[in-house]
C-alpha atoms as a PDB file:
ATOM      1  CA  ASP A   1     -19.613  30.477 -19.535  1.00  0.00           C
ATOM      2  CA  ARG A   2     -22.731  31.450 -21.481  1.00  0.00           C
ATOM      3  CA  ALA A   3     -22.841  27.878 -22.631  1.00  0.00           C
ATOM      4  CA  LEU A   4     -22.435  26.635 -19.419  1.00  0.00           C
ATOM      5  CA  VAL A   5     -25.512  28.572 -17.851  1.00  0.00           C
ATOM      6  CA  GLN A   6     -27.825  27.884 -20.815  1.00  0.00           C
ATOM      7  CA  GLN A   7     -27.110  23.992 -20.043  1.00  0.00           C
ATOM      8  CA  LEU A   8     -27.646  24.493 -16.353  1.00  0.00           C
ATOM      9  CA  LEU A   9     -30.699  26.408 -17.018  1.00  0.00           C
ATOM     10  CA  SER A  10     -31.935  23.445 -19.446  1.00  0.00           C
ATOM     11  CA  VAL A  11     -31.372  20.793 -16.819  1.00  0.00           C
ATOM     12  CA  GLU A  12     -32.889  22.727 -14.175  1.00  0.00           C
ATOM     13  CA  HIS A  13     -35.793  23.423 -15.760  1.00  0.00           C
ATOM     14  CA  GLU A  14     -36.091  19.671 -16.755  1.00  0.00           C
ATOM     15  CA  CYS A  15     -36.070  18.675 -13.257  1.00  0.00           C
ATOM     16  CA  ARG A  16     -38.880  21.023 -12.280  1.00  0.00           C
ATOM     17  CA  PHE A  17     -40.870  19.421 -14.449  1.00  0.00           C
ATOM     18  CA  GLY A  18     -39.955  15.828 -13.771  1.00  0.00           C
ATOM     19  CA  LYS A  19     -37.989  14.822 -16.797  1.00  0.00           C
ATOM     20  CA  LEU A  20     -35.031  13.871 -15.164  1.00  0.00           C
ATOM     21  CA  GLU A  21     -36.477  10.818 -13.055  1.00  0.00           C
ATOM     22  CA  ASN A  22     -34.959   8.371 -14.946  1.00  0.00           C
ATOM     23  CA  VAL A  23     -31.600  10.123 -15.409  1.00  0.00           C
ATOM     24  CA  SER A  24     -28.785   7.682 -16.012  1.00  0.00           C
ATOM     25  CA  HIS A  25     -25.977   7.718 -13.490  1.00  0.00           C
ATOM     26  CA  GLN A  26     -23.301   8.890 -16.449  1.00  0.00           C
ATOM     27  CA  ARG A  27     -25.366  11.962 -17.027  1.00  0.00           C
ATOM     28  CA  LEU A  28     -25.436  12.818 -13.210  1.00  0.00           C
ATOM     29  CA  ARG A  29     -21.540  12.438 -13.621  1.00  0.00           C
ATOM     30  CA  SER A  30     -21.721  14.953 -16.042  1.00  0.00           C
ATOM     31  CA  GLU A  31     -23.852  17.136 -14.283  1.00  0.00           C
ATOM     32  CA  ARG A  32     -21.585  17.353 -11.179  1.00  0.00           C
ATOM     33  CA  ARG A  33     -18.667  17.913 -13.516  1.00  0.00           C
ATOM     34  CA  LEU A  34     -20.268  20.866 -14.957  1.00  0.00           C
ATOM     35  CA  ARG A  35     -21.465  22.526 -11.540  1.00  0.00           C
ATOM     36  CA  ARG A  36     -17.666  21.822 -10.691  1.00  0.00           C
ATOM     37  CA  ASP A  37     -16.477  23.813 -14.138  1.00  0.00           C
ATOM     38  CA  VAL A  38     -18.808  27.017 -13.178  1.00  0.00           C
ATOM     39  CA  LEU A  39     -17.610  27.058  -9.707  1.00  0.00           C
ATOM     40  CA  VAL A  40     -14.296  26.779 -10.475  1.00  0.00           C
ATOM     41  CA  ARG A  41     -14.901  29.213 -13.160  1.00  0.00           C
ATOM     42  CA  GLY A  42     -16.489  31.897 -11.522  1.00  0.00           C
ATOM     43  CA  ALA A  43     -13.238  31.727  -8.181  1.00  0.00           C
ATOM     44  CA  ILE A  44     -10.448  32.180 -11.581  1.00  0.00           C
ATOM     45  CA  GLU A  45     -12.169  34.963 -13.410  1.00  0.00           C
ATOM     46  CA  SER A  46     -14.413  36.605 -10.906  1.00  0.00           C
ATOM     47  CA  PRO A  47     -13.060  40.212 -10.070  1.00  0.00           C
ATOM     48  CA  PRO A  48     -10.951  40.400  -6.395  1.00  0.00           C
ATOM     49  CA  LEU A  49     -13.947  42.343  -4.335  1.00  0.00           C
ATOM     50  CA  ARG A  50     -14.446  44.087  -1.245  1.00  0.00           C
ATOM     51  CA  ARG A  51     -15.324  42.164   2.041  1.00  0.00           C
ATOM     52  CA  ASN A  52     -17.598  44.036   4.775  1.00  0.00           C
ATOM     53  CA  THR A  53     -16.005  44.658   8.170  1.00  0.00           C
ATOM     54  CA  LEU A  54     -15.644  41.944  10.086  1.00  0.00           C
ATOM     55  CA  ARG A  55     -15.106  39.382   7.393  1.00  0.00           C
ATOM     56  CA  CYS A  56     -12.242  36.920   8.032  1.00  0.00           C
ATOM     57  CA  GLY A  57     -14.218  34.144   5.556  1.00  0.00           C
ATOM     58  CA  THR A  58     -13.953  32.970   2.019  1.00  0.00           C
ATOM     59  CA  MET A  59     -17.053  34.410   0.733  1.00  0.00           C
ATOM     60  CA  ARG A  60     -16.511  36.162  -2.556  1.00  0.00           C
ATOM     61  CA  ALA A  61     -19.278  38.458  -4.077  1.00  0.00           C
ATOM     62  CA  MET A  62     -19.209  38.196  -7.958  1.00  0.00           C
ATOM     63  CA  PHE A  63     -19.900  41.057  -9.779  1.00  0.00           C
ATOM     64  CA  THR A  64     -20.202  40.303 -13.249  1.00  0.00           C
ATOM     65  CA  THR A  65     -23.578  39.334 -15.344  1.00  0.00           C
ATOM     66  CA  SER A  66     -22.590  35.902 -16.284  1.00  0.00           C
ATOM     67  CA  ALA A  67     -21.155  35.127 -12.589  1.00  0.00           C
ATOM     68  CA  VAL A  68     -24.411  36.029 -11.117  1.00  0.00           C
ATOM     69  CA  LEU A  69     -25.883  33.688 -13.858  1.00  0.00           C
ATOM     70  CA  ASN A  70     -23.573  30.991 -12.732  1.00  0.00           C
ATOM     71  CA  ALA A  71     -24.470  31.518  -9.232  1.00  0.00           C
ATOM     72  CA  LEU A  72     -28.086  31.501  -9.550  1.00  0.00           C
ATOM     73  CA  SER A  73     -28.340  28.598 -11.858  1.00  0.00           C
ATOM     74  CA  LEU A  74     -26.216  26.508  -9.392  1.00  0.00           C
ATOM     75  CA  LEU A  75     -28.264  27.253  -6.152  1.00  0.00           C
ATOM     76  CA  LEU A  76     -31.412  26.342  -8.564  1.00  0.00           C
ATOM     77  CA  ILE A  77     -30.063  23.049 -10.043  1.00  0.00           C
ATOM     78  CA  MET A  78     -28.996  22.209  -6.036  1.00  0.00           C
ATOM     79  CA  SER A  79     -32.641  22.801  -5.052  1.00  0.00           C
ATOM     80  CA  THR A  80     -33.688  20.377  -7.003  1.00  0.00           C
ATOM     81  CA  GLY A  81     -32.480  17.762  -5.547  1.00  0.00           C
ATOM     82  CA  VAL A  82     -30.653  15.867  -8.348  1.00  0.00           C
ATOM     83  CA  VAL A  83     -27.365  15.844  -6.336  1.00  0.00           C
ATOM     84  CA  ARG A  84     -27.598  15.054  -2.821  1.00  0.00           C
ATOM     85  CA  CYS A  85     -25.001  15.524  -0.404  1.00  0.00           C
ATOM     86  CA  SER A  86     -24.955  12.595   2.758  1.00  0.00           C
ATOM     87  CA  SER A  87     -24.998  13.944   6.333  1.00  0.00           C
ATOM     88  CA  LEU A  88     -25.656  12.738   9.950  1.00  0.00           C
ATOM     89  CA  PRO A  89     -28.649  11.210  10.459  1.00  0.00           C
ATOM     90  CA  ALA A  90     -31.655  12.505  12.509  1.00  0.00           C
ATOM     91  CA  PRO A  91     -31.506  11.925  16.338  1.00  0.00           C
ATOM     92  CA  GLY A  92     -33.507   8.988  16.710  1.00  0.00           C
ATOM     93  CA  THR A  93     -33.066   6.986  13.075  1.00  0.00           C
ATOM     94  CA  PRO A  94     -31.479   4.312  12.646  1.00  0.00           C
ATOM     95  CA  GLY A  95     -27.600   3.755  11.841  1.00  0.00           C
ATOM     96  CA  THR A  96     -27.445   7.298  13.968  1.00  0.00           C
ATOM     97  CA  PRO A  97     -24.064   6.792  16.698  1.00  0.00           C
ATOM     98  CA  VAL A  98     -24.808   6.286  20.209  1.00  0.00           C
ATOM     99  CA  MET A  99     -23.242   9.311  22.104  1.00  0.00           C
ATOM    100  CA  PRO A 100     -21.119   8.359  25.170  1.00  0.00           C
ATOM    101  CA  SER A 101     -21.866   8.493  28.779  1.00  0.00           C
ATOM    102  CA  THR A 102     -20.898  12.247  29.250  1.00  0.00           C
ATOM    103  CA  GLY A 103     -22.140  12.866  33.318  1.00  0.00           C
ATOM    104  CA  LEU A 104     -23.737  15.611  31.947  1.00  0.00           C
ATOM    105  CA  SER A 105     -27.439  17.179  33.600  1.00  0.00           C
ATOM    106  CA  ALA A 106     -30.287  16.904  31.336  1.00  0.00           C
ATOM    107  CA  SER A 107     -30.247  20.804  30.447  1.00  0.00           C
ATOM    108  CA  THR A 108     -26.690  21.215  30.726  1.00  0.00           C
ATOM    109  CA  SER A 109     -26.210  18.745  27.315  1.00  0.00           C
ATOM    110  CA  ARG A 110     -29.366  20.230  25.692  1.00  0.00           C
ATOM    111  CA  SER A 111     -27.280  23.790  25.925  1.00  0.00           C
ATOM    112  CA  PRO A 112     -25.244  24.936  22.901  1.00  0.00           C
ATOM    113  CA  LEU A 113     -21.924  24.194  24.623  1.00  0.00           C
ATOM    114  CA  GLY A 114     -23.162  21.088  26.360  1.00  0.00           C
ATOM    115  CA  ALA A 115     -23.981  19.888  22.381  1.00  0.00           C
ATOM    116  CA  LEU A 116     -20.833  21.085  21.039  1.00  0.00           C
ATOM    117  CA  TYR A 117     -18.948  18.784  23.755  1.00  0.00           C
ATOM    118  CA  GLU A 118     -21.011  15.679  23.181  1.00  0.00           C
ATOM    119  CA  ASP A 119     -20.886  16.280  19.542  1.00  0.00           C
ATOM    120  CA  SER A 120     -17.221  16.727  19.487  1.00  0.00           C
ATOM    121  CA  GLN A 121     -16.492  13.911  21.838  1.00  0.00           C
ATOM    122  CA  ALA A 122     -18.104  11.738  19.148  1.00  0.00           C
ATOM    123  CA  LEU A 123     -16.518  13.086  16.439  1.00  0.00           C
ATOM    124  CA  LEU A 124     -13.037  12.808  17.199  1.00  0.00           C
ATOM    125  CA  ARG A 125     -13.240   9.346  19.764  1.00  0.00           C
ATOM    126  CA  ASN A 126     -11.512   7.582  16.527  1.00  0.00           C
ATOM    127  CA  ALA A 127      -8.784  10.741  15.878  1.00  0.00           C
ATOM    128  CA  LEU A 128      -5.273   9.072  15.357  1.00  0.00           C
ATOM    129  CA  PRO A 129      -3.005  10.762  17.599  1.00  0.00           C
ATOM    130  CA  MET A 130       0.210  12.753  15.772  1.00  0.00           C
ATOM    131  CA  THR A 131       2.216  13.549  18.998  1.00  0.00           C
ATOM    132  CA  ASP A 132       1.368  14.077  22.432  1.00  0.00           C
ATOM    133  CA  SER A 133      -0.578  17.558  21.286  1.00  0.00           C
ATOM    134  CA  THR A 134      -1.707  16.666  17.941  1.00  0.00           C
ATOM    135  CA  GLN A 135      -4.340  14.680  16.330  1.00  0.00           C
ATOM    136  CA  ASP A 136      -4.531  13.782  12.702  1.00  0.00           C
ATOM    137  CA  PRO A 137      -7.207  15.168  11.016  1.00  0.00           C
ATOM    138  CA  SER A 138      -6.844  13.795   7.404  1.00  0.00           C
ATOM    139  CA  THR A 139      -9.058  10.774   7.940  1.00  0.00           C
ATOM    140  CA  LEU A 140     -12.088  12.665  10.053  1.00  0.00           C
ATOM    141  CA  PRO A 141     -15.285  12.002   7.794  1.00  0.00           C
ATOM    142  CA  THR A 142     -15.930  16.055   6.259  1.00  0.00           C
ATOM    143  CA  ILE A 143     -19.997  16.547   6.976  1.00  0.00           C
ATOM    144  CA  PRO A 144     -19.993  15.044  10.458  1.00  0.00           C
ATOM    145  CA  PHE A 145     -16.914  17.692  10.827  1.00  0.00           C
ATOM    146  CA  LEU A 146     -18.850  20.509   9.515  1.00  0.00           C
ATOM    147  CA  GLU A 147     -21.769  19.566  11.548  1.00  0.00           C
ATOM    148  CA  VAL A 148     -19.539  19.896  14.564  1.00  0.00           C
ATOM    149  CA  CYS A 149     -18.105  23.417  13.736  1.00  0.00           C
ATOM    150  CA  ARG A 150     -22.136  24.387  13.195  1.00  0.00           C
ATOM    151  CA  ASP A 151     -22.061  23.900  17.067  1.00  0.00           C
ATOM    152  CA  PHE A 152     -19.705  26.914  17.233  1.00  0.00           C
ATOM    153  CA  VAL A 153     -21.757  28.870  15.266  1.00  0.00           C
ATOM    154  CA  ARG A 154     -24.635  28.132  18.196  1.00  0.00           C
ATOM    155  CA  VAL A 155     -22.168  29.054  20.961  1.00  0.00           C
ATOM    156  CA  GLN A 156     -21.240  32.325  19.218  1.00  0.00           C
ATOM    157  CA  ARG A 157     -24.842  33.084  18.957  1.00  0.00           C
ATOM    158  CA  VAL A 158     -26.238  32.460  22.061  1.00  0.00           C
ATOM    159  CA  LEU A 159     -23.282  35.324  23.871  1.00  0.00           C
ATOM    160  CA  GLY A 160     -25.469  37.407  21.449  1.00  0.00           C
ATOM    161  CA  GLY A 161     -23.526  41.247  20.680  1.00  0.00           C
ATOM    162  CA  PRO A 162     -23.363  42.324  17.006  1.00  0.00           C
ATOM    163  CA  ALA A 163     -19.583  41.285  17.037  1.00  0.00           C
ATOM    164  CA  MET A 164     -20.586  37.687  17.925  1.00  0.00           C
ATOM    165  CA  ALA A 165     -23.201  37.438  15.608  1.00  0.00           C
ATOM    166  CA  LYS A 166     -21.329  38.849  12.834  1.00  0.00           C
ATOM    167  CA  SER A 167     -18.343  36.184  13.661  1.00  0.00           C
ATOM    168  CA  ALA A 168     -20.802  33.639  13.193  1.00  0.00           C
ATOM    169  CA  ASP A 169     -22.289  34.573  10.279  1.00  0.00           C
ATOM    170  CA  GLU A 170     -18.497  34.285   8.413  1.00  0.00           C
ATOM    171  CA  LEU A 171     -18.033  30.921  10.244  1.00  0.00           C
ATOM    172  CA  GLU A 172     -21.035  29.494   8.792  1.00  0.00           C
ATOM    173  CA  GLN A 173     -20.936  30.932   5.864  1.00  0.00           C
ATOM    174  CA  ASN A 174     -17.370  29.220   4.893  1.00  0.00           C
ATOM    175  CA  ILE A 175     -19.221  26.187   6.209  1.00  0.00           C
ATOM    176  CA  ARG A 176     -21.872  26.677   3.419  1.00  0.00           C
ATOM    177  CA  LEU A 177     -19.025  27.467   0.879  1.00  0.00           C
ATOM    178  CA  CYS A 178     -17.627  24.231   1.749  1.00  0.00           C
ATOM    179  CA  GLU A 179     -20.604  21.820   1.901  1.00  0.00           C
ATOM    180  CA  GLU A 180     -21.410  23.191  -2.025  1.00  0.00           C
ATOM    181  CA  PHE A 181     -18.122  22.399  -3.249  1.00  0.00           C
ATOM    182  CA  ILE A 182     -18.352  19.039  -1.783  1.00  0.00           C
ATOM    183  CA  ARG A 183     -22.323  18.319  -3.404  1.00  0.00           C
ATOM    184  CA  CYS A 184     -20.744  19.493  -6.840  1.00  0.00           C
ATOM    185  CA  GLU A 185     -17.976  16.669  -6.525  1.00  0.00           C
ATOM    186  CA  GLU A 186     -18.724  12.839  -7.583  1.00  0.00           C
ATOM    187  CA  GLU A 187     -19.409  10.476  -4.724  1.00  0.00           C
ATOM    188  CA  GLY A 188     -17.199   9.393  -2.434  1.00  0.00           C
ATOM    189  CA  THR A 189     -14.204  12.126  -3.398  1.00  0.00           C
ATOM    190  CA  CYS A 190     -14.683  14.306  -0.288  1.00  0.00           C
ATOM    191  CA  GLU A 191     -14.723  11.920   2.302  1.00  0.00           C
ATOM    192  CA  THR A 192     -12.627  12.621   4.701  1.00  0.00           C
ATOM    193  CA  LEU A 193     -10.241  16.199   4.849  1.00  0.00           C
ATOM    194  CA  GLY A 194      -7.070  14.382   3.358  1.00  0.00           C
ATOM    195  CA  ASP A 195      -9.456  13.387   0.181  1.00  0.00           C
ATOM    196  CA  ILE A 196     -10.265  17.180   0.013  1.00  0.00           C
ATOM    197  CA  PHE A 197      -6.591  18.434  -0.037  1.00  0.00           C
ATOM    198  CA  GLU A 198      -5.346  15.743  -1.979  1.00  0.00           C
ATOM    199  CA  LEU A 199      -8.234  16.471  -4.753  1.00  0.00           C
ATOM    200  CA  GLU A 200      -7.837  20.273  -4.562  1.00  0.00           C
ATOM    201  CA  THR A 201      -3.392  19.792  -4.916  1.00  0.00           C
ATOM    202  CA  GLN A 202      -4.438  17.690  -8.110  1.00  0.00           C
ATOM    203  CA  ARG A 203      -6.159  20.473  -9.502  1.00  0.00           C
ATOM    204  CA  GLY A 204      -3.447  22.739  -9.421  1.00  0.00           C
ATOM    205  CA  ILE A 205      -5.843  25.223  -8.386  1.00  0.00           C
ATOM    206  CA  HIS A 206      -4.092  27.110  -5.761  1.00  0.00           C
ATOM    207  CA  GLY A 207      -0.875  29.278  -6.190  1.00  0.00           C
ATOM    208  CA  ARG A 208       2.430  29.022  -4.709  1.00  0.00           C
ATOM    209  CA  GLY A 209       3.572  30.533  -1.398  1.00  0.00           C
ATOM    210  CA  GLY A 210       0.360  29.031   0.143  1.00  0.00           C
ATOM    211  CA  ILE A 211      -1.990  31.468  -1.914  1.00  0.00           C
ATOM    212  CA  LEU A 212      -5.144  29.864  -1.911  1.00  0.00           C
ATOM    213  CA  CYS A 213      -7.917  29.957  -4.977  1.00  0.00           C
ATOM    214  CA  ASP A 214     -10.810  31.935  -3.261  1.00  0.00           C
ATOM    215  CA  PRO A 215     -13.654  30.614  -3.044  1.00  0.00           C
ATOM    216  CA  SER A 216     -12.142  27.250  -2.493  1.00  0.00           C
ATOM    217  CA  MET A 217     -12.940  24.019   0.004  1.00  0.00           C
ATOM    218  CA  ALA A 218      -9.148  24.631   1.172  1.00  0.00           C
ATOM    219  CA  CYS A 219      -9.566  28.205   1.749  1.00  0.00           C
ATOM    220  CA  SER A 220     -12.966  27.807   3.326  1.00  0.00           C
ATOM    221  CA  ILE A 221     -11.210  24.885   5.390  1.00  0.00           C
ATOM    222  CA  LEU A 222      -8.646  27.289   6.785  1.00  0.00           C
ATOM    223  CA  TRP A 223     -10.428  30.220   7.808  1.00  0.00           C
ATOM    224  CA  ILE A 224     -12.589  27.941   9.912  1.00  0.00           C
ATOM    225  CA  ARG A 225     -10.131  26.661  11.618  1.00  0.00           C
ATOM    226  CA  ARG A 226      -8.850  30.108  12.706  1.00  0.00           C
ATOM    227  CA  SER A 227     -12.084  30.872  13.588  1.00  0.00           C
ATOM    228  CA  ILE A 228     -12.658  27.920  15.452  1.00  0.00           C
ATOM    229  CA  ALA A 229      -9.050  28.206  17.156  1.00  0.00           C
ATOM    230  CA  ILE A 230      -9.907  31.893  18.506  1.00  0.00           C
ATOM    231  CA  GLN A 231     -12.854  30.613  20.357  1.00  0.00           C
ATOM    232  CA  ILE A 232     -10.488  27.652  21.491  1.00  0.00           C
ATOM    233  CA  THR A 233      -7.811  29.824  22.300  1.00  0.00           C
ATOM    234  CA  GLY A 234     -10.277  32.413  24.734  1.00  0.00           C
ATOM    235  CA  ILE A 235     -11.740  29.449  26.633  1.00  0.00           C
ATOM    236  CA  SER A 236      -7.999  28.355  27.243  1.00  0.00           C
ATOM    237  CA  ILE A 237      -6.969  32.001  28.795  1.00  0.00           C
ATOM    238  CA  LEU A 238     -10.430  32.585  30.333  1.00  0.00           C
ATOM    239  CA  LEU A 239      -9.841  29.207  32.254  1.00  0.00           C
ATOM    240  CA  LYS A 240      -6.742  30.698  34.059  1.00  0.00           C
ATOM    241  CA  SER A 241      -8.473  33.651  35.523  1.00  0.00           C
ATOM    242  CA  SER A 242      -9.116  33.683  38.785  1.00  0.00           C
ATOM    243  CA  GLN A 243     -13.460  33.578  40.155  1.00  0.00           C
ATOM    244  CA  ASN A 244     -13.236  37.203  41.046  1.00  0.00           C
ATOM    245  CA  ASP A 245     -11.369  38.604  37.955  1.00  0.00           C
ATOM    246  CA  GLY A 246     -14.468  40.760  36.432  1.00  0.00           C
ATOM    247  CA  GLY A 247     -12.400  41.813  33.317  1.00  0.00           C
ATOM    248  CA  ALA A 248     -10.781  38.310  32.439  1.00  0.00           C
ATOM    249  CA  PRO A 249     -13.505  37.551  29.451  1.00  0.00           C
ATOM    250  CA  LYS A 250     -12.452  41.082  27.795  1.00  0.00           C
ATOM    251  CA  ARG A 251      -8.728  40.272  28.535  1.00  0.00           C
ATOM    252  CA  ALA A 252      -9.236  36.361  27.122  1.00  0.00           C
ATOM    253  CA  ALA A 253     -10.963  37.715  24.144  1.00  0.00           C
ATOM    254  CA  MET A 254      -8.429  40.076  23.153  1.00  0.00           C
ATOM    255  CA  ASP A 255      -5.368  37.864  23.829  1.00  0.00           C
ATOM    256  CA  ALA A 256      -6.697  35.476  21.511  1.00  0.00           C
ATOM    257  CA  TYR A 257      -7.679  38.045  18.912  1.00  0.00           C
ATOM    258  CA  ARG A 258      -4.100  39.032  19.308  1.00  0.00           C
ATOM    259  CA  GLN A 259      -2.869  35.679  18.735  1.00  0.00           C
ATOM    260  CA  GLU A 260      -5.127  34.097  16.347  1.00  0.00           C
ATOM    261  CA  LEU A 261      -6.195  36.663  13.962  1.00  0.00           C
ATOM    262  CA  MET A 262      -4.538  39.920  14.354  1.00  0.00           C
ATOM    263  CA  PRO A 263      -1.583  38.809  12.455  1.00  0.00           C
ATOM    264  CA  TYR A 264      -4.093  38.374   9.352  1.00  0.00           C
ATOM    265  CA  HIS A 265      -5.472  41.963   9.526  1.00  0.00           C
ATOM    266  CA  TYR A 266      -4.475  45.212   8.733  1.00  0.00           C
ATOM    267  CA  ARG A 267      -5.011  48.185  11.170  1.00  0.00           C
ATOM    268  CA  GLY A 268      -8.695  48.514   9.790  1.00  0.00           C
ATOM    269  CA  LEU A 269      -9.902  45.690  10.342  1.00  0.00           C
ATOM    270  CA  ARG A 270      -8.095  45.863  14.051  1.00  0.00           C
ATOM    271  CA  VAL A 271      -9.749  48.437  15.266  1.00  0.00           C
ATOM    272  CA  VAL A 272     -13.049  46.741  14.071  1.00  0.00           C
ATOM    273  CA  TRP A 273     -12.642  43.816  15.801  1.00  0.00           C
ATOM    274  CA  THR A 274     -11.050  45.534  18.683  1.00  0.00           C
ATOM    275  CA  LEU A 275     -14.339  47.490  19.163  1.00  0.00           C
ATOM    276  CA  GLY A 276     -16.331  44.710  18.575  1.00  0.00           C
ATOM    277  CA  ILE A 277     -14.533  42.642  21.308  1.00  0.00           C
ATOM    278  CA  GLN A 278     -14.464  45.445  23.838  1.00  0.00           C
ATOM    279  CA  ALA A 279     -18.570  45.742  23.349  1.00  0.00           C
ATOM    280  CA  THR A 280     -19.344  41.856  23.410  1.00  0.00           C
ATOM    281  CA  CYS A 281     -17.386  40.563  26.510  1.00  0.00           C
ATOM    282  CA  ASN A 282     -17.347  43.351  28.567  1.00  0.00           C
ATOM    283  CA  LYS A 283     -19.589  41.455  31.062  1.00  0.00           C
ATOM    284  CA  PRO A 284     -18.011  40.668  34.338  1.00  0.00           C
ATOM    285  CA  ARG A 285     -16.783  36.958  34.746  1.00  0.00           C
ATOM    286  CA  LYS A 286     -20.102  35.092  36.272  1.00  0.00           C
ATOM    287  CA  GLN A 287     -22.482  37.739  34.045  1.00  0.00           C
ATOM    288  CA  TYR A 288     -20.759  36.097  31.188  1.00  0.00           C
ATOM    289  CA  LEU A 289     -20.268  32.411  31.945  1.00  0.00           C
ATOM    290  CA  GLU A 290     -24.001  32.556  32.875  1.00  0.00           C
ATOM    291  CA  GLY A 291     -24.493  33.718  29.014  1.00  0.00           C
ATOM    292  CA  PHE A 292     -24.044  30.357  27.762  1.00  0.00           C
ATOM    293  CA  LYS A 293     -26.746  28.726  29.724  1.00  0.00           C
ATOM    294  CA  SER A 294     -24.627  25.838  30.345  1.00  0.00           C
ATOM    295  CA  GLY A 295     -25.683  25.260  34.400  1.00  0.00           C
ATOM    296  CA  THR A 296     -23.716  26.190  37.190  1.00  0.00           C
ATOM    297  CA  GLU A 297     -20.696  27.841  36.837  1.00  0.00           C
ATOM    298  CA  ALA A 298     -18.343  24.730  37.770  1.00  0.00           C
ATOM    299  CA  GLU A 299     -20.825  23.167  35.005  1.00  0.00           C
ATOM    300  CA  THR A 300     -19.761  25.542  32.475  1.00  0.00           C
ATOM    301  CA  LEU A 301     -15.898  25.784  33.649  1.00  0.00           C
ATOM    302  CA  LEU A 302     -15.876  21.854  33.166  1.00  0.00           C
ATOM    303  CA  LEU A 303     -17.767  21.914  29.831  1.00  0.00           C
ATOM    304  CA  MET A 304     -15.434  24.665  28.524  1.00  0.00           C
ATOM    305  CA  ARG A 305     -12.380  22.818  29.736  1.00  0.00           C
ATOM    306  CA  SER A 306     -13.528  19.661  28.029  1.00  0.00           C
ATOM    307  CA  ILE A 307     -14.281  21.514  24.657  1.00  0.00           C
ATOM    308  CA  ALA A 308     -10.262  22.987  24.929  1.00  0.00           C
ATOM    309  CA  ASP A 309      -8.839  19.625  25.964  1.00  0.00           C
ATOM    310  CA  LEU A 310     -10.338  17.797  22.382  1.00  0.00           C
ATOM    311  CA  TRP A 311     -10.220  20.683  19.851  1.00  0.00           C
ATOM    312  CA  GLN A 312      -6.715  21.949  20.663  1.00  0.00           C
ATOM    313  CA  PRO A 313      -4.884  19.453  19.470  1.00  0.00           C
ATOM    314  CA  LEU A 314      -7.259  19.350  16.499  1.00  0.00           C
ATOM    315  CA  ILE A 315      -6.395  22.569  15.779  1.00  0.00           C
ATOM    316  CA  ASN A 316      -2.445  21.538  16.177  1.00  0.00           C
ATOM    317  CA  GLY A 317      -3.227  19.236  13.455  1.00  0.00           C
ATOM    318  CA  LEU A 318      -4.822  21.251  10.944  1.00  0.00           C
ATOM    319  CA  MET A 319      -2.167  23.445  10.972  1.00  0.00           C
ATOM    320  CA  VAL A 320       0.580  20.866  10.667  1.00  0.00           C
ATOM    321  CA  MET A 321      -1.623  19.137   7.650  1.00  0.00           C
ATOM    322  CA  GLN A 322      -2.257  22.417   6.049  1.00  0.00           C
ATOM    323  CA  ALA A 323       1.273  23.990   6.464  1.00  0.00           C
ATOM    324  CA  ALA A 324       2.426  20.422   4.792  1.00  0.00           C
ATOM    325  CA  TYR A 325      -0.033  21.193   1.652  1.00  0.00           C
ATOM    326  CA  ASP A 326       1.443  24.777   1.362  1.00  0.00           C
ATOM    327  CA  PHE A 327      -2.095  25.335   2.111  1.00  0.00           C
ATOM    328  CA  GLU A 328      -1.451  28.092   5.383  1.00  0.00           C
ATOM    329  CA  ASP A 329      -2.369  31.442   3.562  1.00  0.00           C
ATOM    330  CA  ASP A 330      -1.065  34.427   5.610  1.00  0.00           C
ATOM    331  CA  ARG A 331      -2.088  37.221   3.564  1.00  0.00           C
ATOM    332  CA  LYS A 332      -3.341  40.200   5.117  1.00  0.00           C
ATOM    333  CA  TRP A 333      -6.864  41.450   4.875  1.00  0.00           C
ATOM    334  CA  GLY A 334      -8.164  44.746   5.087  1.00  0.00           C
ATOM    335  CA  LEU A 335     -11.389  46.754   4.874  1.00  0.00           C
ATOM    336  CA  ARG A 336     -10.760  46.151   0.837  1.00  0.00           C
ATOM    337  CA  GLY A 337      -9.997  43.112   0.368  1.00  0.00           C
ATOM    338  CA  ALA A 338      -6.706  40.832   0.374  1.00  0.00           C
ATOM    339  CA  SER A 339      -2.845  41.910   0.232  1.00  0.00           C
ATOM    340  CA  THR A 340      -0.575  39.936  -2.451  1.00  0.00           C
ATOM    341  CA  ALA A 341       2.028  42.123  -1.312  1.00  0.00           C
ATOM    342  CA  ASP A 342       3.755  39.860   1.112  1.00  0.00           C
ATOM    343  CA  HIS A 343       4.236  37.229  -1.046  1.00  0.00           C
ATOM    344  CA  GLY A 344       6.021  39.643  -3.932  1.00  0.00           C
ATOM    345  CA  GLY A 345       3.053  40.954  -5.696  1.00  0.00           C
ATOM    346  CA  HIS A 346       2.316  44.221  -7.275  1.00  0.00           C
ATOM    347  CA  GLY A 347      -0.094  45.245  -5.296  1.00  0.00           C
ATOM    348  CA  GLY A 348      -1.698  46.031  -1.693  1.00  0.00           C
ATOM    349  CA  VAL A 349      -4.065  47.359   0.627  1.00  0.00           C
ATOM    350  CA  GLU A 350      -3.578  50.499   1.892  1.00  0.00           C
ATOM    351  CA  GLU A 351      -5.705  51.184   5.169  1.00  0.00           C
END
């Protein structure tokens, strides 16, 4: 590890002083492999950590000195711009995809919920159906997919409250971790979600029985899916409520949590999530919908229904694909980390 860190620091020093302006393609490939080795080695050799109270994601703290140096060196090299990741072009630049006509008013389309709908429609317009209720996610472009996932973060932040803010932080951390891994890979190897699953399968970094290496791209995508699924399920339940049902938001959020995340939480996390939902989603139905700032109540409900219709088939498809690759990690998490007891291990997390 120390040798890797010294090499990384040396490259960062050269980059900072402009000595790599004419770096060869072979050297770039070498440095990508080196950074990837640091990430993978840190994931394998770092000791397990405690997750904080609302943790449902995949970021792991690294406690050893060498692991901290690895992480700092990686961030320094990324900041120099030697390896750049392709991303969505800025609005108005050549090559920007033209959004289809959605019929939304200008104020509604600028809201976080309206932006999520429009971006989702642009991303999923060419998705291939697997069945009537399932879409094939393997051909989805990775970077645009992660960008749309960030729209879910913005929607959560608009609602406010400590529970929503913490949940949004966890989702955003998983998105960033996945992007960091992609930057360290050879260009063209992570273009689609299917490419990522094939890449990590070939490397053999995951355990049997769905035990995923953490951190990894597959683990990040798993928790991104679960974070989005709880929002889509909550929306679908809320849409079935009546206009005069003031307690519908809290009930929809709790039912969604029980269905999507509670099976993976021990008692401690269940208590924390329950209290957070009760504190955040205790507004009457009308006031809760106004919090989305997406126009009238009818416009907000129409947007929510459209988003649920777009994303539910994709979530179903991700579940099918992750199960096919044995990437559905069903370990339970507690306030002190993950349990291996469900997979025949000797340990567990006592709550």
